[in-house]
Amino acid sequence: MIRDCYRIAPLPRTPAMQPLAILNKFFGHPKFRGQQLDVIERVMAGGHSLVIMPTGMGKSLCFQIPALMFSQQTDGKSDRPGLTLVMSPLIALMKDQVDSLRRRNIAATFINSSLTRKQREGRYKAVGEGEYDLLYVTPERFRKQEFLEVIARRQIDLLAVDEAHCISEWGHDFRPDYTRLREFRRLMGDPTTIALTATATPDVQADIVRQLGFVSDDVTMFHEGIDRPNLSLEVIDVWGDDEKLEQILRMRRDEPGSGIVYFTLIKTLMQFSDRILAEGSAHLIYHGDLQRNERRRVQDRFMGEANHLVLATNAFGMGVDKEDIRFVIHADVPGSMESYYQEIGRAGRDGLPSECVLLYDERDLTTQMEFMRWSNPDAEFYRRLYDFLAHDMEQVQAFGADWLRERLQFKERHDHRLDTALAMLERHGVIEGDVASVDVELVGELPESLCDQERLDEKLRRDQEKLYTLVQYSKCEGDRKAFIHEYFGLPYESI
């Protein structure tokens, strides 16, 4: 049998434990927060749910505890326990969650593209034999026939859709395969389903329900609101990098404890890093161009040691569950309220006062507008790229991304539309392989949605509206928390 460090025997069949007992025994908490128990009871009764909870408030327990309860049950038709399938879009995040569950002696694993073929086959075999209670996968895994064959051997008691805003093309992190969840649910026998997110406007909430194949009456909404009373929100108008640096150094000096400073561009982050070091202030840096091992080392230091400052792009944060982050600074204007709210949500998870400061410089809007252009290739760009991949793949693979970029974008060397377009083709299942080096294989047709210019124009318009919302928030002279609540369609009472 293949050895796999993620294999733990499922819980022995003993008299079924109740939710609070499981919470105490495996997670070490004396009581539930907010609506957690109500959600768990709804799930155990077979009801479908949409759960919206602020970051750090324990969404995962709403499906992890039912998973352990289901694992103690059997339908009498099989000696294999039921399986909870968790749909997650982020490979790094699912590894962190599985590692945390394993430390609690819970039989969980993940299957994704980070595994070798031998590891995947070993986990497929173990899943089919009933060795796990929770299985984390990306929605793209459902393209694999061998995965579908394994899932068919298990009774799926619960489907948990994490980061459920990815279902909606109007959300801030759309994943095309999430739109196939209705089909996936049918393949699994229409199990009880729970969708979870920290951020969803009313439009996105309705889209989540629709994409799952439900009508609103099928789904119970559990909305914890988005208020974090211990977070202080401030916007400071600045002009230029000198004033930004002054504010960052002031916060570092005046706010003891750990903090995060978010930047939009890696180049800007590194420039500030040099200047902050010159001022004698030690810090960590984290961005997507670092090697995976270095990113892990930085994250482990930040999590395991006290009083660290980290300068980061938005690549930093998922899986970071550090309770005592005392401040989060946005050195640049974020691209959307959803991203901003998710990032400030990493502060003050211990319930103690924490500062969230946005340094507003109107010149940053130019950068965000450029990002928006890169993130929204037009239909003609997609067609030209597909044509190169269909007819000149040998040259593409021989000469790489720079060769392809020159032919698609001519003299615009700093145009990143190619990166976006390749990522979208991969998400739509058009190409497979190493997207970064364009060592890919064409496996599908160009989807209609990427050829529909009206649809692409609507996506761009919505992205522009999201950025304008951040401008309005920055100029708001009233209660900023009330502004955020209104954006997410929630009532608000100031304290």
Protein backbone atom coordinates (compact mmCIF):
# COMPACT_ATOMS: atom_id res chain seq x y z
CA MET A 1 0.00 0.00 0.00
CA ILE A 2 1.31 3.48 -0.82
CA ARG A 3 2.40 5.37 2.27
CA ASP A 4 0.69 8.72 2.57
CA CYS A 5 1.34 11.13 5.41
CA TYR A 6 -2.24 12.38 5.09
CA ARG A 7 -3.81 9.03 5.95
CA ILE A 8 -5.51 8.79 9.33
CA ALA A 9 -7.99 6.12 10.27
CA PRO A 10 -11.58 7.39 10.42
CA LEU A 11 -13.17 7.80 13.82
CA PRO A 12 -14.20 4.47 15.40
CA ARG A 13 -17.92 3.74 15.46
CA THR A 14 -19.02 4.76 18.93
CA PRO A 15 -22.30 6.19 20.17
CA ALA A 16 -22.83 9.39 18.20
CA MET A 17 -21.34 12.50 19.75
CA GLN A 18 -23.34 15.70 19.87
CA PRO A 19 -22.10 18.94 18.26
CA LEU A 20 -20.94 20.59 21.50
CA ALA A 21 -19.05 17.47 22.57
CA ILE A 22 -17.26 17.37 19.20
CA LEU A 23 -16.49 21.08 19.46
CA ASN A 24 -14.96 20.54 22.91
CA LYS A 25 -13.05 17.36 22.11
CA PHE A 26 -11.58 18.11 18.70
CA PHE A 27 -11.47 21.90 18.49
CA GLY A 28 -11.02 22.88 22.14
CA HIS A 29 -13.76 25.52 22.26
CA PRO A 30 -16.19 25.62 25.21
CA LYS A 31 -19.16 26.99 23.26
CA PHE A 32 -20.37 27.93 19.79
CA ARG A 33 -20.27 31.43 18.34
CA GLY A 34 -23.22 33.26 16.87
CA GLN A 35 -25.30 31.08 14.54
CA GLN A 36 -22.84 28.17 14.26
CA LEU A 37 -25.02 25.69 16.13
CA ASP A 38 -28.14 26.75 14.19
CA VAL A 39 -26.29 26.09 10.92
CA ILE A 40 -25.04 22.69 12.12
CA GLU A 41 -28.53 21.63 13.19
CA ARG A 42 -29.95 22.74 9.82
CA VAL A 43 -27.30 20.65 8.02
CA MET A 44 -27.90 17.59 10.17
CA ALA A 45 -31.63 17.88 9.43
CA GLY A 46 -30.85 17.69 5.70
CA GLY A 47 -31.48 21.36 4.94
CA HIS A 48 -29.49 23.43 2.45
CA SER A 49 -27.82 26.63 3.71
CA LEU A 50 -26.04 29.77 2.60
CA VAL A 51 -23.71 31.01 5.35
CA ILE A 52 -22.21 34.50 5.31
CA MET A 53 -19.85 35.14 8.21
CA PRO A 54 -17.01 37.61 8.70
CA THR A 55 -13.50 36.30 8.17
CA GLY A 56 -12.21 34.53 11.26
CA MET A 57 -15.62 33.81 12.81
CA GLY A 58 -15.54 30.04 12.31
CA LYS A 59 -17.32 29.25 9.03
CA SER A 60 -15.39 26.01 8.61
CA LEU A 61 -16.82 24.50 11.80
CA CYS A 62 -20.27 24.71 10.22
CA PHE A 63 -19.33 21.80 7.92
CA GLN A 64 -16.44 20.17 9.78
CA ILE A 65 -18.55 19.24 12.81
CA PRO A 66 -21.39 17.78 10.68
CA ALA A 67 -18.72 15.83 8.78
CA LEU A 68 -17.61 14.19 12.02
CA MET A 69 -21.22 13.49 12.98
CA PHE A 70 -21.96 11.95 9.57
CA SER A 71 -18.86 9.79 9.87
CA GLN A 72 -20.42 8.07 12.87
CA GLN A 73 -23.56 7.16 10.92
CA THR A 74 -24.30 4.47 8.34
CA ASP A 75 -27.30 3.94 6.13
CA GLY A 76 -27.16 0.17 6.60
CA LYS A 77 -26.31 -0.38 2.93
CA SER A 78 -22.55 0.00 3.28
CA ASP A 79 -19.94 -0.43 5.97
CA ARG A 80 -18.23 2.71 4.69
CA PRO A 81 -18.94 5.97 6.54
CA GLY A 82 -20.41 8.91 4.71
CA LEU A 83 -18.07 11.46 3.13
CA THR A 84 -18.14 15.25 3.31
CA LEU A 85 -16.78 16.79 0.11
CA VAL A 86 -15.39 20.31 0.49
CA MET A 87 -15.10 22.43 -2.65
CA SER A 88 -12.32 25.00 -2.26
CA PRO A 89 -10.72 27.17 -4.97
CA LEU A 90 -7.30 27.55 -3.35
CA ILE A 91 -4.75 24.76 -3.18
CA ALA A 92 -2.66 26.46 -0.46
CA LEU A 93 -5.73 27.12 1.69
CA MET A 94 -7.00 23.53 1.51
CA LYS A 95 -3.57 22.22 2.56
CA ASP A 96 -3.55 24.54 5.58
CA GLN A 97 -7.04 23.42 6.59
CA VAL A 98 -6.27 19.73 6.15
CA ASP A 99 -3.03 20.07 8.14
CA SER A 100 -4.99 21.73 10.95
CA LEU A 101 -7.60 18.94 10.95
CA ARG A 102 -4.93 16.24 10.96
CA ARG A 103 -3.30 17.80 14.01
CA ARG A 104 -6.65 17.21 15.70
CA ASN A 105 -6.61 13.55 14.61
CA ILE A 106 -9.45 14.09 12.12
CA ALA A 107 -9.42 11.94 8.97
CA ALA A 108 -9.18 14.61 6.26
CA THR A 109 -7.23 14.88 3.03
CA PHE A 110 -7.06 16.82 -0.21
CA ILE A 111 -6.59 15.84 -3.84
CA ASN A 112 -5.26 18.48 -6.21
CA SER A 113 -2.63 19.20 -8.84
CA SER A 114 0.14 19.68 -6.24
CA LEU A 115 0.30 15.90 -5.75
CA THR A 116 2.36 13.48 -7.81
CA ARG A 117 0.49 10.90 -9.83
CA LYS A 118 1.49 8.20 -7.32
CA GLN A 119 0.19 10.29 -4.42
CA ARG A 120 -3.11 10.98 -6.20
CA GLU A 121 -3.63 7.30 -6.99
CA GLY A 122 -2.93 6.43 -3.37
CA ARG A 123 -5.49 8.92 -2.11
CA TYR A 124 -8.06 7.87 -4.70
CA LYS A 125 -7.72 4.30 -3.45
CA ALA A 126 -7.99 5.36 0.19
CA VAL A 127 -11.05 7.53 -0.46
CA GLY A 128 -12.75 4.68 -2.31
CA GLU A 129 -12.06 2.34 0.61
CA GLY A 130 -13.68 4.73 3.10
CA GLU A 131 -10.55 5.96 4.85
CA TYR A 132 -11.47 9.66 5.05
CA ASP A 133 -14.31 11.68 6.53
CA LEU A 134 -13.51 14.98 4.76
CA LEU A 135 -12.13 15.39 1.25
CA TYR A 136 -11.02 18.80 -0.07
CA VAL A 137 -10.90 19.33 -3.84
CA THR A 138 -11.01 22.17 -6.35
CA PRO A 139 -14.03 22.19 -8.69
CA GLU A 140 -11.65 21.49 -11.59
CA ARG A 141 -11.08 17.99 -10.15
CA PHE A 142 -14.51 17.01 -11.52
CA ARG A 143 -13.04 17.09 -15.02
CA LYS A 144 -11.09 13.92 -14.15
CA GLN A 145 -12.88 10.65 -14.91
CA GLU A 146 -10.86 8.70 -12.33
CA PHE A 147 -12.06 11.12 -9.64
CA LEU A 148 -15.70 10.69 -10.68
CA GLU A 149 -15.29 6.91 -10.46
CA VAL A 150 -13.94 7.17 -6.91
CA ILE A 151 -16.69 9.54 -5.77
CA ALA A 152 -19.29 7.14 -7.15
CA ARG A 153 -18.06 4.56 -4.60
CA ARG A 154 -18.89 6.76 -1.60
CA GLN A 155 -22.09 8.09 -0.11
CA ILE A 156 -21.71 11.88 -0.15
CA ASP A 157 -23.56 13.11 2.91
CA LEU A 158 -22.59 16.75 2.62
CA LEU A 159 -21.27 19.09 -0.06
CA ALA A 160 -19.59 22.18 1.40
CA VAL A 161 -18.85 24.97 -1.07
CA ASP A 162 -16.20 27.20 0.50
CA GLU A 163 -15.49 30.69 -0.88
CA ALA A 164 -18.91 30.44 -2.51
CA HIS A 165 -18.67 33.92 -4.05
CA CYS A 166 -16.49 32.23 -6.71
CA ILE A 167 -19.75 30.84 -8.14
CA SER A 168 -20.80 34.26 -9.38
CA GLU A 169 -19.24 35.85 -12.44
CA TRP A 170 -20.13 39.18 -10.79
CA GLY A 171 -18.15 38.27 -7.67
CA HIS A 172 -14.52 39.26 -7.12
CA ASP A 173 -12.93 35.86 -7.81
CA PHE A 174 -15.00 34.07 -10.45
CA ARG A 175 -14.15 30.42 -11.15
CA PRO A 176 -15.98 29.03 -14.21
CA ASP A 177 -16.06 25.45 -12.88
CA TYR A 178 -18.07 26.68 -9.89
CA THR A 179 -20.93 27.30 -12.32
CA ARG A 180 -21.13 23.52 -12.86
CA LEU A 181 -22.03 22.84 -9.22
CA ARG A 182 -25.60 21.97 -10.14
CA GLU A 183 -24.20 19.22 -12.39
CA PHE A 184 -21.72 18.11 -9.70
CA ARG A 185 -24.49 17.85 -7.11
CA ARG A 186 -26.46 15.55 -9.41
CA LEU A 187 -23.40 13.33 -9.90
CA MET A 188 -23.14 13.02 -6.11
CA GLY A 189 -26.82 12.18 -5.65
CA ASP A 190 -27.97 15.70 -4.65
CA PRO A 191 -26.48 15.75 -1.15
CA THR A 192 -27.24 18.29 1.54
CA THR A 193 -25.35 21.42 0.52
CA ILE A 194 -23.86 24.31 2.47
CA ALA A 195 -22.33 27.32 0.70
CA LEU A 196 -20.08 29.64 2.71
CA THR A 197 -18.44 33.02 2.13
CA ALA A 198 -17.37 36.12 4.03
CA THR A 199 -18.39 38.58 1.33
CA ALA A 200 -21.40 38.57 -0.96
CA THR A 201 -23.58 41.43 -2.16
CA PRO A 202 -27.32 40.72 -2.63
CA ASP A 203 -26.73 40.07 -6.37
CA VAL A 204 -24.00 37.54 -5.59
CA GLN A 205 -26.14 35.85 -2.92
CA ALA A 206 -28.93 35.32 -5.45
CA ASP A 207 -26.43 34.03 -8.00
CA ILE A 208 -25.02 31.49 -5.53
CA VAL A 209 -28.48 30.06 -4.90
CA ARG A 210 -29.29 29.95 -8.63
CA GLN A 211 -25.99 28.34 -9.67
CA LEU A 212 -26.51 25.59 -7.08
CA GLY A 213 -29.80 24.75 -8.78
CA PHE A 214 -32.04 25.93 -5.97
CA VAL A 215 -34.79 28.48 -5.59
CA SER A 216 -34.65 30.83 -2.63
CA ASP A 217 -37.18 28.79 -0.58
CA ASP A 218 -34.85 25.75 -0.75
CA VAL A 219 -32.04 27.51 1.08
CA THR A 220 -31.90 28.96 4.58
CA MET A 221 -29.73 32.09 4.81
CA PHE A 222 -27.53 32.48 7.87
CA HIS A 223 -26.07 35.98 7.79
CA GLU A 224 -23.84 36.98 10.71
CA GLY A 225 -23.46 40.46 9.33
CA ILE A 226 -20.05 41.86 8.57
CA ASP A 227 -19.42 44.10 11.55
CA ARG A 228 -16.30 43.59 13.65
CA PRO A 229 -16.80 46.01 16.56
CA ASN A 230 -13.15 45.84 17.62
CA LEU A 231 -11.88 47.10 14.26
CA SER A 232 -11.27 50.82 13.88
CA LEU A 233 -11.53 52.00 10.25
CA GLU A 234 -9.61 55.07 9.10
CA VAL A 235 -8.76 56.66 5.75
CA ILE A 236 -5.78 59.02 5.61
CA ASP A 237 -5.28 61.25 2.57
CA VAL A 238 -1.65 61.19 1.47
CA TRP A 239 0.34 62.65 -1.40
CA GLY A 240 3.23 60.56 -2.64
CA ASP A 241 5.43 57.83 -1.23
CA ASP A 242 7.11 60.00 1.41
CA GLU A 243 3.81 60.58 3.21
CA LYS A 244 2.90 56.90 2.87
CA LEU A 245 6.23 55.90 4.40
CA GLU A 246 5.73 58.33 7.26
CA GLN A 247 2.32 56.82 8.08
CA ILE A 248 3.60 53.22 7.89
CA LEU A 249 6.51 54.00 10.23
CA ARG A 250 4.16 55.83 12.60
CA MET A 251 1.80 52.86 12.78
CA ARG A 252 4.70 50.49 13.33
CA ARG A 253 5.95 52.70 16.15
CA ASP A 254 2.59 53.42 17.81
CA GLU A 255 0.87 50.03 17.43
CA PRO A 256 2.85 47.27 19.17
CA GLY A 257 2.16 43.81 17.81
CA SER A 258 1.97 42.20 14.39
CA GLY A 259 0.80 44.05 11.31
CA ILE A 260 0.31 43.73 7.56
CA VAL A 261 0.91 46.42 4.93
CA TYR A 262 -0.75 45.63 1.59
CA PHE A 263 0.64 46.85 -1.75
CA THR A 264 -0.75 46.45 -5.26
CA LEU A 265 2.56 46.08 -7.12
CA ILE A 266 5.58 43.96 -6.20
CA LYS A 267 7.87 46.71 -7.52
CA THR A 268 6.35 49.25 -5.13
CA LEU A 269 6.50 46.79 -2.24
CA MET A 270 10.23 46.24 -2.78
CA GLN A 271 10.91 49.99 -3.00
CA PHE A 272 9.15 50.54 0.34
CA SER A 273 10.97 47.56 1.83
CA ASP A 274 14.32 49.20 1.05
CA ARG A 275 13.24 52.50 2.57
CA ILE A 276 11.78 50.90 5.69
CA LEU A 277 14.98 48.90 6.22
CA ALA A 278 16.97 52.11 5.85
CA GLU A 279 14.90 53.51 8.73
CA GLY A 280 16.00 50.56 10.87
CA SER A 281 12.64 48.77 10.92
CA ALA A 282 12.95 45.01 10.31
CA HIS A 283 10.11 43.27 8.46
CA LEU A 284 9.11 40.34 6.29
CA ILE A 285 8.08 40.48 2.63
CA TYR A 286 5.57 38.25 0.82
CA HIS A 287 4.49 38.26 -2.81
CA GLY A 288 3.61 35.87 -5.61
CA ASP A 289 7.04 35.94 -7.27
CA LEU A 290 8.74 34.33 -4.27
CA GLN A 291 9.50 30.62 -4.47
CA ARG A 292 6.89 28.43 -2.78
CA ASN A 293 9.32 27.38 -0.01
CA GLU A 294 10.18 31.00 0.73
CA ARG A 295 6.51 31.98 0.89
CA ARG A 296 5.91 29.14 3.33
CA ARG A 297 8.90 30.20 5.44
CA VAL A 298 7.67 33.80 5.64
CA GLN A 299 4.14 32.73 6.53
CA ASP A 300 5.37 30.32 9.21
CA ARG A 301 7.52 33.04 10.80
CA PHE A 302 4.65 35.50 10.78
CA MET A 303 2.29 32.95 12.30
CA GLY A 304 4.71 31.52 14.87
CA GLU A 305 6.55 34.58 16.12
CA ALA A 306 5.35 37.77 17.80
CA ASN A 307 5.50 41.40 16.66
CA HIS A 308 6.24 40.87 12.98
CA LEU A 309 5.51 43.40 10.27
CA VAL A 310 4.96 41.93 6.80
CA LEU A 311 4.83 43.90 3.55
CA ALA A 312 2.67 41.92 1.15
CA THR A 313 0.61 41.84 -1.99
CA ASN A 314 -2.88 40.32 -1.86
CA ALA A 315 -1.22 36.92 -2.37
CA PHE A 316 -0.77 36.98 1.42
CA GLY A 317 -3.70 36.25 3.66
CA MET A 318 -5.56 33.09 2.71
CA GLY A 319 -4.84 30.55 5.44
CA VAL A 320 -3.40 33.23 7.74
CA ASP A 321 -5.38 32.74 10.95
CA LYS A 322 -3.22 34.72 13.38
CA GLU A 323 -5.37 36.08 16.19
CA ASP A 324 -3.28 39.04 17.35
CA ILE A 325 -2.77 41.12 14.20
CA ARG A 326 -3.06 44.63 15.60
CA PHE A 327 -3.11 46.62 12.38
CA VAL A 328 -3.68 46.26 8.63
CA ILE A 329 -2.56 49.10 6.36
CA HIS A 330 -3.50 49.45 2.71
CA ALA A 331 -0.65 51.43 1.17
CA ASP A 332 -2.55 51.46 -2.15
CA VAL A 333 -6.24 51.71 -2.98
CA PRO A 334 -7.66 48.15 -3.36
CA GLY A 335 -9.63 47.15 -6.45
CA SER A 336 -12.92 46.31 -4.74
CA MET A 337 -14.80 46.57 -1.47
CA GLU A 338 -14.89 42.76 -1.29
CA SER A 339 -11.09 42.53 -1.39
CA TYR A 340 -10.70 45.40 1.07
CA TYR A 341 -13.14 43.93 3.57
CA GLN A 342 -11.60 40.46 3.32
CA GLU A 343 -8.10 41.85 3.93
CA ILE A 344 -8.97 44.06 6.91
CA GLY A 345 -10.81 41.03 8.32
CA ARG A 346 -7.43 39.51 9.19
CA ALA A 347 -6.99 42.05 11.96
CA GLY A 348 -8.11 41.58 15.55
CA ARG A 349 -9.43 38.04 15.45
CA ASP A 350 -8.78 37.84 19.19
CA GLY A 351 -11.48 40.47 19.71
CA LEU A 352 -9.05 43.15 20.94
CA PRO A 353 -8.88 46.63 19.39
CA SER A 354 -7.12 46.74 16.01
CA GLU A 355 -6.48 49.47 13.46
CA CYS A 356 -7.36 49.31 9.75
CA VAL A 357 -5.92 52.22 7.80
CA LEU A 358 -6.31 53.01 4.09
CA LEU A 359 -3.71 55.44 2.74
CA TYR A 360 -5.60 57.20 -0.04
CA ASP A 361 -3.60 58.75 -2.88
CA GLU A 362 -5.71 59.52 -5.95
CA ARG A 363 -2.76 58.71 -8.22
CA ASP A 364 -3.12 55.05 -7.18
CA LEU A 365 -6.35 54.92 -9.16
CA THR A 366 -4.28 55.01 -12.37
CA THR A 367 -2.60 51.76 -11.34
CA GLN A 368 -5.94 50.13 -10.55
CA MET A 369 -7.38 51.26 -13.90
CA GLU A 370 -4.40 49.67 -15.64
CA PHE A 371 -4.96 46.47 -13.65
CA MET A 372 -8.58 46.55 -14.72
CA ARG A 373 -7.58 46.77 -18.39
CA TRP A 374 -5.21 43.84 -17.99
CA SER A 375 -7.91 41.84 -16.19
CA ASN A 376 -10.46 42.34 -18.99
CA PRO A 377 -9.13 41.24 -22.40
CA ASP A 378 -11.64 41.80 -25.18
CA ALA A 379 -13.18 39.07 -27.34
CA GLU A 380 -10.74 39.74 -30.19
CA PHE A 381 -7.77 39.15 -27.88
CA TYR A 382 -9.19 35.80 -26.76
CA ARG A 383 -9.81 34.77 -30.37
CA ARG A 384 -6.29 35.70 -31.46
CA LEU A 385 -4.74 33.84 -28.52
CA TYR A 386 -6.83 30.74 -29.22
CA ASP A 387 -5.81 30.89 -32.87
CA PHE A 388 -2.11 30.90 -31.92
CA LEU A 389 -2.62 27.94 -29.56
CA ALA A 390 -4.60 26.03 -32.19
CA HIS A 391 -2.30 26.61 -35.16
CA ASP A 392 1.15 27.63 -33.84
CA MET A 393 1.45 25.54 -30.66
CA GLU A 394 4.86 24.18 -31.67
CA GLN A 395 6.29 27.70 -31.88
CA VAL A 396 4.51 28.79 -28.69
CA GLN A 397 6.05 25.92 -26.74
CA ALA A 398 9.48 26.44 -28.34
CA PHE A 399 9.76 30.19 -27.75
CA GLY A 400 7.56 30.69 -24.68
CA ALA A 401 5.47 33.47 -23.18
CA ASP A 402 7.61 36.43 -24.30
CA TRP A 403 7.41 35.36 -27.96
CA LEU A 404 3.62 34.97 -27.70
CA ARG A 405 3.24 38.26 -25.83
CA GLU A 406 5.10 40.17 -28.55
CA ARG A 407 2.83 38.81 -31.25
CA LEU A 408 -0.38 39.48 -29.34
CA GLN A 409 0.52 42.82 -27.79
CA PHE A 410 3.12 44.17 -30.18
CA LYS A 411 5.21 46.79 -28.32
CA GLU A 412 3.24 46.82 -25.05
CA ARG A 413 5.74 44.77 -23.04
CA HIS A 414 4.15 45.62 -19.70
CA ASP A 415 0.66 44.57 -20.79
CA HIS A 416 -0.53 41.60 -18.71
CA ARG A 417 -3.64 40.67 -20.69
CA LEU A 418 -1.94 37.45 -21.81
CA ASP A 419 -1.60 36.28 -18.20
CA THR A 420 -5.30 36.91 -17.58
CA ALA A 421 -6.39 35.27 -20.83
CA LEU A 422 -4.29 32.13 -20.24
CA ALA A 423 -5.62 31.85 -16.68
CA MET A 424 -9.19 32.14 -17.93
CA LEU A 425 -8.61 29.51 -20.64
CA GLU A 426 -7.26 27.19 -17.96
CA ARG A 427 -10.21 27.87 -15.65
CA HIS A 428 -12.61 27.14 -18.52
CA GLY A 429 -10.84 23.84 -19.28
CA VAL A 430 -9.57 25.00 -22.69
CA ILE A 431 -5.89 24.37 -21.90
CA GLU A 432 -3.97 22.17 -19.45
CA GLY A 433 -0.35 22.33 -18.35
CA ASP A 434 2.10 24.94 -17.04
CA VAL A 435 0.37 28.23 -17.80
CA ALA A 436 3.26 30.40 -16.56
CA SER A 437 5.65 29.05 -19.21
CA VAL A 438 2.85 28.43 -21.74
CA ASP A 439 3.86 24.76 -21.82
CA VAL A 440 0.24 23.81 -22.36
CA GLU A 441 -1.98 21.48 -24.34
CA LEU A 442 -5.15 22.61 -26.09
CA VAL A 443 -7.95 20.36 -24.83
CA GLY A 444 -11.16 22.32 -25.46
CA GLU A 445 -12.97 24.88 -27.58
CA LEU A 446 -13.01 28.61 -26.89
CA PRO A 447 -16.14 29.14 -24.75
CA GLU A 448 -18.91 31.37 -26.00
CA SER A 449 -18.71 33.58 -22.90
CA LEU A 450 -15.17 34.71 -23.87
CA CYS A 451 -16.33 35.63 -27.39
CA ASP A 452 -19.34 37.67 -26.25
CA GLN A 453 -18.13 41.27 -26.26
CA GLU A 454 -21.31 42.61 -24.65
CA ARG A 455 -20.82 40.23 -21.74
CA LEU A 456 -17.16 41.18 -21.41
CA ASP A 457 -18.10 44.88 -21.50
CA GLU A 458 -20.59 44.30 -18.68
CA LYS A 459 -17.85 42.60 -16.63
CA LEU A 460 -15.55 45.60 -17.16
CA ARG A 461 -18.35 48.02 -16.21
CA ARG A 462 -18.97 46.17 -12.95
CA ASP A 463 -15.26 46.17 -12.15
CA GLN A 464 -15.20 49.94 -12.71
CA GLU A 465 -18.18 50.33 -10.37
CA LYS A 466 -16.36 48.33 -7.69
CA LEU A 467 -13.35 50.64 -7.88
CA TYR A 468 -15.61 53.71 -7.79
CA THR A 469 -17.17 52.32 -4.61
CA LEU A 470 -13.71 52.38 -2.99
CA VAL A 471 -13.34 56.02 -4.03
CA GLN A 472 -16.72 56.83 -2.45
CA TYR A 473 -15.72 54.95 0.71
CA SER A 474 -12.47 56.92 0.90
CA LYS A 475 -14.38 60.21 0.60
CA CYS A 476 -17.10 59.17 3.06
CA GLU A 477 -17.47 61.67 5.91
CA GLY A 478 -19.95 59.57 7.86
CA ASP A 479 -19.79 56.16 9.54
CA ARG A 480 -17.57 53.98 7.36
CA LYS A 481 -19.01 50.77 8.80
CA ALA A 482 -22.48 51.94 7.82
CA PHE A 483 -21.15 52.52 4.27
CA ILE A 484 -19.82 48.95 4.10
CA HIS A 485 -23.08 47.51 5.43
CA GLU A 486 -25.08 49.40 2.83
CA TYR A 487 -22.83 48.07 0.07
CA PHE A 488 -23.44 44.49 1.19
CA GLY A 489 -27.19 45.12 1.59
CA LEU A 490 -27.30 44.86 5.39
CA PRO A 491 -28.93 46.91 8.12
CA TYR A 492 -26.58 48.62 10.52
CA GLU A 493 -26.89 50.10 14.00
CA SER A 494 -23.97 52.14 15.24
CA ILE A 495 -22.77 51.47 18.76
